[in-house]
């Protein structure tokens, strides 16, 4: 039997297709994997409320990692088991520094993203449309500015998330340069147009280590799937690192295995391959004598 006991996977552009949904093929494969007893852990930059409902409904999924590893949540009780966050005052200071360059921010607080209305005002320039736009309109709390944090002095922010224009990558780099000298934070990216600010211990690699400790699971018993820079800490922890075909060059270069793209159920199909039961060799006629 395969030695894989634990699978951790990114969602957007990895497990979810180009429409940001789980296909029926992927659901069928995941159901078989869960029934086989393999532990399955979604690891996303998304808040809990934006994790696909199908995953949250699975009783055999014990843990969900959100906010790029900033939070680990018990999927059955909703209890937060691990929390690496930034205080409200520090968050407001970072937004004050970055906002003149980029006002398109969101702050993740208690599982909900509080987003600046500038994102909606500039949604065409940011190329926000389709199912993604529908999702954020439905799930986010919209704020006119960062002063809402003054009413939440004890709030703990799991993630600050900036959207940048895909057409002007130099603006994202300028934002990175602006914030790179700040101590006590970690900068990462879940997509070419995103920049996220996290607590230094908030990453998918540390989250995966926590899960592995709960299961007494070794790296060779662990598989991790991803596509972008924020997945690298998780892929480095797992003995079986898997990049989907649409992953960045950096992720493709370090991954032990390559899967088909997110448009082809590549992650789920590779999960099935890695967890398939090894068939015993057929007896030759000589062996049967």
C-alpha atoms as a PDB file:
ATOM      1  CA  UNK A   1       0.000   0.000   0.000  1.00  0.00           C
ATOM      2  CA  UNK A   2       1.118   3.562  -0.650  1.00  0.00           C
ATOM      3  CA  UNK A   3       2.949   5.253   2.205  1.00  0.00           C
ATOM      4  CA  UNK A   4       1.066   8.555   1.758  1.00  0.00           C
ATOM      5  CA  UNK A   5      -0.935   9.301   4.910  1.00  0.00           C
ATOM      6  CA  UNK A   6      -1.381  13.064   4.555  1.00  0.00           C
ATOM      7  CA  UNK A   7      -2.213  15.357   1.637  1.00  0.00           C
ATOM      8  CA  UNK A   8      -2.075  19.139   1.916  1.00  0.00           C
ATOM      9  CA  UNK A   9      -3.113  21.259  -1.034  1.00  0.00           C
ATOM     10  CA  UNK A  10      -3.469  24.823  -2.196  1.00  0.00           C
ATOM     11  CA  UNK A  11      -6.859  25.691  -3.700  1.00  0.00           C
ATOM     12  CA  UNK A  12      -6.835  28.552  -6.230  1.00  0.00           C
ATOM     13  CA  UNK A  13      -5.085  27.610  -9.473  1.00  0.00           C
ATOM     14  CA  UNK A  14      -4.213  24.210  -7.968  1.00  0.00           C
ATOM     15  CA  UNK A  15      -7.205  22.147  -6.814  1.00  0.00           C
ATOM     16  CA  UNK A  16      -9.895  24.528  -8.111  1.00  0.00           C
ATOM     17  CA  UNK A  17     -10.394  24.949 -11.835  1.00  0.00           C
ATOM     18  CA  UNK A  18     -10.263  28.158 -13.863  1.00  0.00           C
ATOM     19  CA  UNK A  19     -13.770  29.058 -12.617  1.00  0.00           C
ATOM     20  CA  UNK A  20     -12.610  28.705  -8.977  1.00  0.00           C
ATOM     21  CA  UNK A  21     -14.758  25.637  -8.343  1.00  0.00           C
ATOM     22  CA  UNK A  22     -14.231  21.953  -7.591  1.00  0.00           C
ATOM     23  CA  UNK A  23     -15.159  19.863 -10.612  1.00  0.00           C
ATOM     24  CA  UNK A  24     -17.255  16.729 -10.231  1.00  0.00           C
ATOM     25  CA  UNK A  25     -14.220  14.655 -11.207  1.00  0.00           C
ATOM     26  CA  UNK A  26     -12.142  16.223  -8.445  1.00  0.00           C
ATOM     27  CA  UNK A  27     -14.945  15.712  -5.900  1.00  0.00           C
ATOM     28  CA  UNK A  28     -15.213  12.031  -6.839  1.00  0.00           C
ATOM     29  CA  UNK A  29     -11.460  11.509  -6.459  1.00  0.00           C
ATOM     30  CA  UNK A  30     -11.348  13.364  -3.136  1.00  0.00           C
ATOM     31  CA  UNK A  31     -14.258  11.302  -1.825  1.00  0.00           C
ATOM     32  CA  UNK A  32     -12.374   8.103  -2.591  1.00  0.00           C
ATOM     33  CA  UNK A  33      -9.207   9.445  -0.953  1.00  0.00           C
ATOM     34  CA  UNK A  34     -11.093  10.464   2.189  1.00  0.00           C
ATOM     35  CA  UNK A  35     -12.827   7.076   2.338  1.00  0.00           C
ATOM     36  CA  UNK A  36      -9.429   5.379   2.136  1.00  0.00           C
ATOM     37  CA  UNK A  37      -8.366   7.007   5.413  1.00  0.00           C
ATOM     38  CA  UNK A  38      -5.819   9.450   4.009  1.00  0.00           C
ATOM     39  CA  UNK A  39      -5.835  12.758   5.898  1.00  0.00           C
ATOM     40  CA  UNK A  40      -6.704  15.647   3.581  1.00  0.00           C
ATOM     41  CA  UNK A  41      -6.007  19.288   4.531  1.00  0.00           C
ATOM     42  CA  UNK A  42      -6.961  22.284   2.345  1.00  0.00           C
ATOM     43  CA  UNK A  43      -4.310  25.036   2.697  1.00  0.00           C
ATOM     44  CA  UNK A  44      -5.381  28.362   1.273  1.00  0.00           C
ATOM     45  CA  UNK A  45      -4.859  32.099   1.512  1.00  0.00           C
ATOM     46  CA  UNK A  46      -8.654  32.365   1.554  1.00  0.00           C
ATOM     47  CA  UNK A  47     -10.632  33.051   4.737  1.00  0.00           C
ATOM     48  CA  UNK A  48     -12.704  30.157   6.062  1.00  0.00           C
ATOM     49  CA  UNK A  49     -15.949  31.596   4.707  1.00  0.00           C
ATOM     50  CA  UNK A  50     -14.563  31.503   1.161  1.00  0.00           C
ATOM     51  CA  UNK A  51     -13.381  27.889   1.319  1.00  0.00           C
ATOM     52  CA  UNK A  52     -15.653  25.855  -1.004  1.00  0.00           C
ATOM     53  CA  UNK A  53     -18.691  24.618   0.905  1.00  0.00           C
ATOM     54  CA  UNK A  54     -18.186  21.063  -0.351  1.00  0.00           C
ATOM     55  CA  UNK A  55     -14.863  20.850   1.493  1.00  0.00           C
ATOM     56  CA  UNK A  56     -16.302  22.325   4.694  1.00  0.00           C
ATOM     57  CA  UNK A  57     -19.132  19.784   4.563  1.00  0.00           C
ATOM     58  CA  UNK A  58     -16.781  16.782   4.536  1.00  0.00           C
ATOM     59  CA  UNK A  59     -16.829  15.182   7.992  1.00  0.00           C
ATOM     60  CA  UNK A  60     -13.560  13.390   7.279  1.00  0.00           C
ATOM     61  CA  UNK A  61     -11.674  16.670   6.785  1.00  0.00           C
ATOM     62  CA  UNK A  62     -10.453  17.522  10.275  1.00  0.00           C
ATOM     63  CA  UNK A  63      -8.432  20.680   9.688  1.00  0.00           C
ATOM     64  CA  UNK A  64      -8.481  23.610   7.264  1.00  0.00           C
ATOM     65  CA  UNK A  65      -5.523  25.981   6.942  1.00  0.00           C
ATOM     66  CA  UNK A  66      -6.505  29.546   6.009  1.00  0.00           C
ATOM     67  CA  UNK A  67      -4.810  32.938   5.681  1.00  0.00           C
ATOM     68  CA  UNK A  68      -1.706  31.371   4.108  1.00  0.00           C
ATOM     69  CA  UNK A  69      -1.045  29.391   7.279  1.00  0.00           C
ATOM     70  CA  UNK A  70      -1.943  32.160   9.710  1.00  0.00           C
ATOM     71  CA  UNK A  71      -4.911  30.186  11.033  1.00  0.00           C
ATOM     72  CA  UNK A  72      -5.642  26.486  11.454  1.00  0.00           C
ATOM     73  CA  UNK A  73      -9.305  25.743  12.064  1.00  0.00           C
ATOM     74  CA  UNK A  74     -11.089  22.627  13.321  1.00  0.00           C
ATOM     75  CA  UNK A  75     -13.413  21.876  10.411  1.00  0.00           C
ATOM     76  CA  UNK A  76     -16.073  20.277  12.609  1.00  0.00           C
ATOM     77  CA  UNK A  77     -16.289  22.770  15.478  1.00  0.00           C
ATOM     78  CA  UNK A  78     -15.037  25.950  13.804  1.00  0.00           C
ATOM     79  CA  UNK A  79     -12.556  26.412  16.653  1.00  0.00           C
ATOM     80  CA  UNK A  80      -9.300  28.167  15.796  1.00  0.00           C
ATOM     81  CA  UNK A  81      -6.492  25.863  16.895  1.00  0.00           C
ATOM     82  CA  UNK A  82      -3.475  27.877  15.737  1.00  0.00           C
ATOM     83  CA  UNK A  83      -3.376  31.642  15.286  1.00  0.00           C
ATOM     84  CA  UNK A  84      -0.453  33.770  14.084  1.00  0.00           C
ATOM     85  CA  UNK A  85      -1.764  37.300  13.627  1.00  0.00           C
ATOM     86  CA  UNK A  86      -0.897  40.997  13.572  1.00  0.00           C
ATOM     87  CA  UNK A  87      -2.402  43.513  16.045  1.00  0.00           C
ATOM     88  CA  UNK A  88      -4.796  46.190  14.804  1.00  0.00           C
ATOM     89  CA  UNK A  89      -2.456  49.100  15.538  1.00  0.00           C
ATOM     90  CA  UNK A  90       0.402  47.531  13.537  1.00  0.00           C
ATOM     91  CA  UNK A  91      -1.972  46.725  10.708  1.00  0.00           C
ATOM     92  CA  UNK A  92      -3.196  50.315  10.504  1.00  0.00           C
ATOM     93  CA  UNK A  93       0.393  51.577  10.486  1.00  0.00           C
ATOM     94  CA  UNK A  94       1.264  49.273   7.577  1.00  0.00           C
ATOM     95  CA  UNK A  95      -1.823  50.343   5.637  1.00  0.00           C
ATOM     96  CA  UNK A  96      -0.960  54.000   6.298  1.00  0.00           C
ATOM     97  CA  UNK A  97       2.496  53.436   4.817  1.00  0.00           C
ATOM     98  CA  UNK A  98       1.312  51.469   1.781  1.00  0.00           C
ATOM     99  CA  UNK A  99      -2.033  53.099   0.976  1.00  0.00           C
ATOM    100  CA  UNK A 100      -0.683  56.072  -1.035  1.00  0.00           C
ATOM    101  CA  UNK A 101       0.953  53.554  -3.359  1.00  0.00           C
ATOM    102  CA  UNK A 102      -1.847  50.990  -3.328  1.00  0.00           C
ATOM    103  CA  UNK A 103      -5.276  51.428  -1.684  1.00  0.00           C
ATOM    104  CA  UNK A 104      -6.556  48.045  -2.873  1.00  0.00           C
ATOM    105  CA  UNK A 105      -6.233  46.231   0.453  1.00  0.00           C
ATOM    106  CA  UNK A 106      -8.160  43.716   2.516  1.00  0.00           C
ATOM    107  CA  UNK A 107      -7.716  42.671   6.161  1.00  0.00           C
ATOM    108  CA  UNK A 108      -8.725  39.232   7.398  1.00  0.00           C
ATOM    109  CA  UNK A 109     -10.382  39.478  10.823  1.00  0.00           C
ATOM    110  CA  UNK A 110     -12.219  36.580  12.498  1.00  0.00           C
ATOM    111  CA  UNK A 111     -12.674  34.737   9.234  1.00  0.00           C
ATOM    112  CA  UNK A 112     -14.021  37.684   7.204  1.00  0.00           C
ATOM    113  CA  UNK A 113     -12.180  39.945   4.799  1.00  0.00           C
ATOM    114  CA  UNK A 114     -12.676  43.664   5.343  1.00  0.00           C
ATOM    115  CA  UNK A 115     -11.899  45.273   1.970  1.00  0.00           C
ATOM    116  CA  UNK A 116     -11.367  48.875   0.876  1.00  0.00           C
ATOM    117  CA  UNK A 117     -14.091  50.176  -1.448  1.00  0.00           C
ATOM    118  CA  UNK A 118     -11.321  51.312  -3.812  1.00  0.00           C
ATOM    119  CA  UNK A 119     -11.190  47.685  -5.003  1.00  0.00           C
ATOM    120  CA  UNK A 120     -14.729  47.986  -6.350  1.00  0.00           C
ATOM    121  CA  UNK A 121     -14.131  51.460  -7.750  1.00  0.00           C
ATOM    122  CA  UNK A 122     -11.140  50.154  -9.735  1.00  0.00           C
ATOM    123  CA  UNK A 123     -12.426  46.637 -10.467  1.00  0.00           C
ATOM    124  CA  UNK A 124     -12.133  47.077 -14.261  1.00  0.00           C
ATOM    125  CA  UNK A 125      -8.508  48.169 -14.060  1.00  0.00           C
ATOM    126  CA  UNK A 126      -7.805  45.312 -11.652  1.00  0.00           C
ATOM    127  CA  UNK A 127      -9.634  42.919 -14.018  1.00  0.00           C
ATOM    128  CA  UNK A 128     -11.992  41.642 -11.341  1.00  0.00           C
ATOM    129  CA  UNK A 129     -14.967  40.003 -12.971  1.00  0.00           C
ATOM    130  CA  UNK A 130     -16.918  36.779 -13.328  1.00  0.00           C
ATOM    131  CA  UNK A 131     -17.224  34.309 -10.472  1.00  0.00           C
ATOM    132  CA  UNK A 132     -14.370  35.914  -8.532  1.00  0.00           C
ATOM    133  CA  UNK A 133     -16.118  39.293  -8.451  1.00  0.00           C
ATOM    134  CA  UNK A 134     -19.415  37.642  -7.506  1.00  0.00           C
ATOM    135  CA  UNK A 135     -17.676  35.818  -4.672  1.00  0.00           C
ATOM    136  CA  UNK A 136     -16.053  38.890  -3.139  1.00  0.00           C
ATOM    137  CA  UNK A 137     -19.227  40.958  -3.461  1.00  0.00           C
ATOM    138  CA  UNK A 138     -21.100  38.331  -1.494  1.00  0.00           C
ATOM    139  CA  UNK A 139     -18.545  37.469   1.176  1.00  0.00           C
ATOM    140  CA  UNK A 140     -16.628  40.606   2.103  1.00  0.00           C
ATOM    141  CA  UNK A 141     -17.238  43.526   4.436  1.00  0.00           C
ATOM    142  CA  UNK A 142     -16.595  46.758   2.546  1.00  0.00           C
ATOM    143  CA  UNK A 143     -14.853  49.634   4.291  1.00  0.00           C
ATOM    144  CA  UNK A 144     -14.414  53.267   3.234  1.00  0.00           C
ATOM    145  CA  UNK A 145     -10.937  53.373   4.775  1.00  0.00           C
ATOM    146  CA  UNK A 146      -8.566  51.980   7.370  1.00  0.00           C
ATOM    147  CA  UNK A 147     -10.101  53.960  10.246  1.00  0.00           C
ATOM    148  CA  UNK A 148     -12.546  51.115  10.894  1.00  0.00           C
ATOM    149  CA  UNK A 149      -9.651  49.518  12.794  1.00  0.00           C
ATOM    150  CA  UNK A 150      -9.909  52.233  15.451  1.00  0.00           C
ATOM    151  CA  UNK A 151     -13.180  50.650  16.600  1.00  0.00           C
ATOM    152  CA  UNK A 152     -11.461  47.241  16.813  1.00  0.00           C
ATOM    153  CA  UNK A 153      -8.382  47.914  18.966  1.00  0.00           C
ATOM    154  CA  UNK A 154      -8.159  44.305  20.155  1.00  0.00           C
ATOM    155  CA  UNK A 155      -8.652  42.755  16.719  1.00  0.00           C
ATOM    156  CA  UNK A 156      -6.088  40.274  15.476  1.00  0.00           C
ATOM    157  CA  UNK A 157      -5.467  40.449  11.723  1.00  0.00           C
ATOM    158  CA  UNK A 158      -4.550  37.155  10.111  1.00  0.00           C
ATOM    159  CA  UNK A 159      -3.606  38.662   6.762  1.00  0.00           C
ATOM    160  CA  UNK A 160      -3.272  41.956   4.914  1.00  0.00           C
ATOM    161  CA  UNK A 161      -3.877  41.403   1.222  1.00  0.00           C
ATOM    162  CA  UNK A 162      -3.099  43.851  -1.594  1.00  0.00           C
ATOM    163  CA  UNK A 163      -4.362  43.429  -5.163  1.00  0.00           C
ATOM    164  CA  UNK A 164      -2.105  44.847  -7.852  1.00  0.00           C
ATOM    165  CA  UNK A 165      -2.616  45.204 -11.580  1.00  0.00           C
ATOM    166  CA  UNK A 166      -1.400  42.248 -13.628  1.00  0.00           C
ATOM    167  CA  UNK A 167      -0.446  44.681 -16.382  1.00  0.00           C
ATOM    168  CA  UNK A 168       1.997  46.606 -14.188  1.00  0.00           C
ATOM    169  CA  UNK A 169       4.153  44.113 -12.246  1.00  0.00           C
ATOM    170  CA  UNK A 170       6.595  46.909 -11.454  1.00  0.00           C
ATOM    171  CA  UNK A 171       3.964  48.433  -9.149  1.00  0.00           C
ATOM    172  CA  UNK A 172       3.821  45.223  -7.141  1.00  0.00           C
ATOM    173  CA  UNK A 173       7.618  45.217  -6.903  1.00  0.00           C
ATOM    174  CA  UNK A 174       7.574  48.829  -5.741  1.00  0.00           C
ATOM    175  CA  UNK A 175       5.146  47.855  -2.971  1.00  0.00           C
ATOM    176  CA  UNK A 176       7.441  44.983  -1.976  1.00  0.00           C
ATOM    177  CA  UNK A 177      10.399  47.356  -1.871  1.00  0.00           C
ATOM    178  CA  UNK A 178       8.431  49.801   0.266  1.00  0.00           C
ATOM    179  CA  UNK A 179       7.526  47.174   2.866  1.00  0.00           C
ATOM    180  CA  UNK A 180      10.616  44.978   2.797  1.00  0.00           C
ATOM    181  CA  UNK A 181      12.395  46.885   5.569  1.00  0.00           C
ATOM    182  CA  UNK A 182       9.509  46.402   8.018  1.00  0.00           C
ATOM    183  CA  UNK A 183      10.393  44.070  10.891  1.00  0.00           C
ATOM    184  CA  UNK A 184       8.075  41.438  12.322  1.00  0.00           C
ATOM    185  CA  UNK A 185       6.191  40.688   9.121  1.00  0.00           C
ATOM    186  CA  UNK A 186       6.445  38.242   6.238  1.00  0.00           C
ATOM    187  CA  UNK A 187       5.703  39.141   2.606  1.00  0.00           C
ATOM    188  CA  UNK A 188       4.404  36.473   0.258  1.00  0.00           C
ATOM    189  CA  UNK A 189       2.293  36.092  -2.878  1.00  0.00           C
ATOM    190  CA  UNK A 190      -0.461  33.630  -3.752  1.00  0.00           C
ATOM    191  CA  UNK A 191      -0.894  34.976  -7.300  1.00  0.00           C
ATOM    192  CA  UNK A 192       1.066  37.276  -9.637  1.00  0.00           C
ATOM    193  CA  UNK A 193      -1.380  40.107  -8.877  1.00  0.00           C
ATOM    194  CA  UNK A 194      -1.416  39.613  -5.081  1.00  0.00           C
ATOM    195  CA  UNK A 195       0.851  40.635  -2.235  1.00  0.00           C
ATOM    196  CA  UNK A 196       0.147  39.438   1.297  1.00  0.00           C
ATOM    197  CA  UNK A 197       1.522  40.617   4.643  1.00  0.00           C
ATOM    198  CA  UNK A 198       1.576  38.013   7.406  1.00  0.00           C
ATOM    199  CA  UNK A 199       2.949  37.265  10.844  1.00  0.00           C
ATOM    200  CA  UNK A 200       6.478  35.778  10.470  1.00  0.00           C
ATOM    201  CA  UNK A 201       5.255  32.355  11.655  1.00  0.00           C
ATOM    202  CA  UNK A 202       2.242  32.416   9.335  1.00  0.00           C
ATOM    203  CA  UNK A 203       3.076  30.234   6.360  1.00  0.00           C
ATOM    204  CA  UNK A 204       1.818  26.988   4.907  1.00  0.00           C
ATOM    205  CA  UNK A 205       5.029  25.184   5.799  1.00  0.00           C
ATOM    206  CA  UNK A 206       4.652  25.845   9.536  1.00  0.00           C
ATOM    207  CA  UNK A 207       0.984  24.911   9.312  1.00  0.00           C
ATOM    208  CA  UNK A 208       1.824  21.634   7.622  1.00  0.00           C
ATOM    209  CA  UNK A 209       4.430  20.847  10.287  1.00  0.00           C
ATOM    210  CA  UNK A 210       1.734  21.346  12.938  1.00  0.00           C
ATOM    211  CA  UNK A 211      -0.592  18.891  11.181  1.00  0.00           C
ATOM    212  CA  UNK A 212       2.219  16.379  10.765  1.00  0.00           C
ATOM    213  CA  UNK A 213       2.918  16.532  14.502  1.00  0.00           C
ATOM    214  CA  UNK A 214      -0.728  15.798  15.291  1.00  0.00           C
ATOM    215  CA  UNK A 215      -0.570  12.701  13.106  1.00  0.00           C
ATOM    216  CA  UNK A 216       3.014  11.700  13.909  1.00  0.00           C
ATOM    217  CA  UNK A 217       3.510  11.809  10.158  1.00  0.00           C
ATOM    218  CA  UNK A 218       6.889  11.837   8.386  1.00  0.00           C
ATOM    219  CA  UNK A 219       7.782  13.879   5.280  1.00  0.00           C
ATOM    220  CA  UNK A 220       7.805  10.727   3.144  1.00  0.00           C
ATOM    221  CA  UNK A 221       4.236  10.054   4.267  1.00  0.00           C
ATOM    222  CA  UNK A 222       3.201  13.579   3.238  1.00  0.00           C
ATOM    223  CA  UNK A 223       2.279  15.053  -0.145  1.00  0.00           C
ATOM    224  CA  UNK A 224       1.765  18.758  -0.815  1.00  0.00           C
ATOM    225  CA  UNK A 225       0.369  20.442  -3.930  1.00  0.00           C
ATOM    226  CA  UNK A 226       0.774  24.036  -5.099  1.00  0.00           C
ATOM    227  CA  UNK A 227       1.336  26.540  -7.854  1.00  0.00           C
ATOM    228  CA  UNK A 228       2.807  29.749  -6.445  1.00  0.00           C
ATOM    229  CA  UNK A 229       5.372  31.313  -4.140  1.00  0.00           C
ATOM    230  CA  UNK A 230       3.234  31.079  -0.999  1.00  0.00           C
ATOM    231  CA  UNK A 231       3.118  27.291  -1.476  1.00  0.00           C
ATOM    232  CA  UNK A 232       6.900  26.868  -1.431  1.00  0.00           C
ATOM    233  CA  UNK A 233       7.240  26.515   2.388  1.00  0.00           C
ATOM    234  CA  UNK A 234       4.644  23.727   2.324  1.00  0.00           C
ATOM    235  CA  UNK A 235       6.221  22.004  -0.672  1.00  0.00           C
ATOM    236  CA  UNK A 236       9.622  22.111   1.030  1.00  0.00           C
ATOM    237  CA  UNK A 237       8.229  20.328   4.094  1.00  0.00           C
ATOM    238  CA  UNK A 238       6.540  17.468   2.235  1.00  0.00           C
ATOM    239  CA  UNK A 239       8.495  14.504   0.964  1.00  0.00           C
ATOM    240  CA  UNK A 240       6.243  14.418  -2.104  1.00  0.00           C
ATOM    241  CA  UNK A 241       6.047  17.964  -3.491  1.00  0.00           C
ATOM    242  CA  UNK A 242       3.737  18.374  -6.481  1.00  0.00           C
ATOM    243  CA  UNK A 243       3.454  21.315  -8.878  1.00  0.00           C
ATOM    244  CA  UNK A 244       0.533  21.631 -11.267  1.00  0.00           C
ATOM    245  CA  UNK A 245       1.479  22.393 -14.875  1.00  0.00           C
ATOM    246  CA  UNK A 246       0.349  26.027 -14.575  1.00  0.00           C
ATOM    247  CA  UNK A 247       2.657  26.673 -11.589  1.00  0.00           C
ATOM    248  CA  UNK A 248       5.355  29.320 -11.607  1.00  0.00           C
ATOM    249  CA  UNK A 249       8.804  28.371 -12.881  1.00  0.00           C
ATOM    250  CA  UNK A 250      10.151  28.497  -9.330  1.00  0.00           C
ATOM    251  CA  UNK A 251       7.577  25.992  -8.091  1.00  0.00           C
ATOM    252  CA  UNK A 252       8.006  23.715 -11.111  1.00  0.00           C
ATOM    253  CA  UNK A 253      11.766  23.690 -10.612  1.00  0.00           C
ATOM    254  CA  UNK A 254      11.649  22.533  -6.990  1.00  0.00           C
ATOM    255  CA  UNK A 255       8.745  20.082  -7.138  1.00  0.00           C
ATOM    256  CA  UNK A 256       9.426  16.352  -6.994  1.00  0.00           C
ATOM    257  CA  UNK A 257       6.342  15.562  -9.117  1.00  0.00           C
ATOM    258  CA  UNK A 258       4.527  17.423 -11.895  1.00  0.00           C
ATOM    259  CA  UNK A 259       0.767  17.136 -12.452  1.00  0.00           C
ATOM    260  CA  UNK A 260      -1.583  18.300 -15.180  1.00  0.00           C
ATOM    261  CA  UNK A 261      -2.939  21.835 -14.902  1.00  0.00           C
ATOM    262  CA  UNK A 262      -5.783  23.068 -12.694  1.00  0.00           C
ATOM    263  CA  UNK A 263      -7.979  23.068 -15.813  1.00  0.00           C
ATOM    264  CA  UNK A 264      -7.503  19.293 -16.169  1.00  0.00           C
ATOM    265  CA  UNK A 265      -8.105  18.092 -12.579  1.00  0.00           C
ATOM    266  CA  UNK A 266      -4.340  17.619 -12.446  1.00  0.00           C
ATOM    267  CA  UNK A 267      -3.919  17.871  -8.663  1.00  0.00           C
ATOM    268  CA  UNK A 268      -6.706  15.409  -7.881  1.00  0.00           C
ATOM    269  CA  UNK A 269      -5.507  12.930 -10.500  1.00  0.00           C
ATOM    270  CA  UNK A 270      -1.979  13.019  -9.070  1.00  0.00           C
ATOM    271  CA  UNK A 271      -3.372  12.561  -5.553  1.00  0.00           C
ATOM    272  CA  UNK A 272      -5.096   9.417  -6.743  1.00  0.00           C
ATOM    273  CA  UNK A 273      -1.870   8.131  -8.289  1.00  0.00           C
ATOM    274  CA  UNK A 274       0.183   8.785  -5.175  1.00  0.00           C
ATOM    275  CA  UNK A 275      -2.346   7.147  -2.853  1.00  0.00           C
ATOM    276  CA  UNK A 276      -3.226   4.184  -5.083  1.00  0.00           C
ATOM    277  CA  UNK A 277      -2.884   0.792  -3.446  1.00  0.00           C
ATOM    278  CA  UNK A 278       0.073  -1.124  -4.749  1.00  0.00           C
ATOM    279  CA  UNK A 279      -1.092  -4.244  -6.525  1.00  0.00           C
ATOM    280  CA  UNK A 280       0.759  -7.470  -5.685  1.00  0.00           C
ATOM    281  CA  UNK A 281       2.716  -8.889  -8.603  1.00  0.00           C
ATOM    282  CA  UNK A 282       0.910 -11.569 -10.564  1.00  0.00           C
ATOM    283  CA  UNK A 283       2.219 -15.104 -10.038  1.00  0.00           C
ATOM    284  CA  UNK A 284       4.005 -16.556 -13.004  1.00  0.00           C
ATOM    285  CA  UNK A 285       3.209 -20.185 -13.966  1.00  0.00           C
ATOM    286  CA  UNK A 286       6.511 -21.220 -12.385  1.00  0.00           C
ATOM    287  CA  UNK A 287       5.512 -19.629  -9.091  1.00  0.00           C
ATOM    288  CA  UNK A 288       2.251 -21.461  -9.087  1.00  0.00           C
ATOM    289  CA  UNK A 289       3.866 -24.890  -9.430  1.00  0.00           C
END
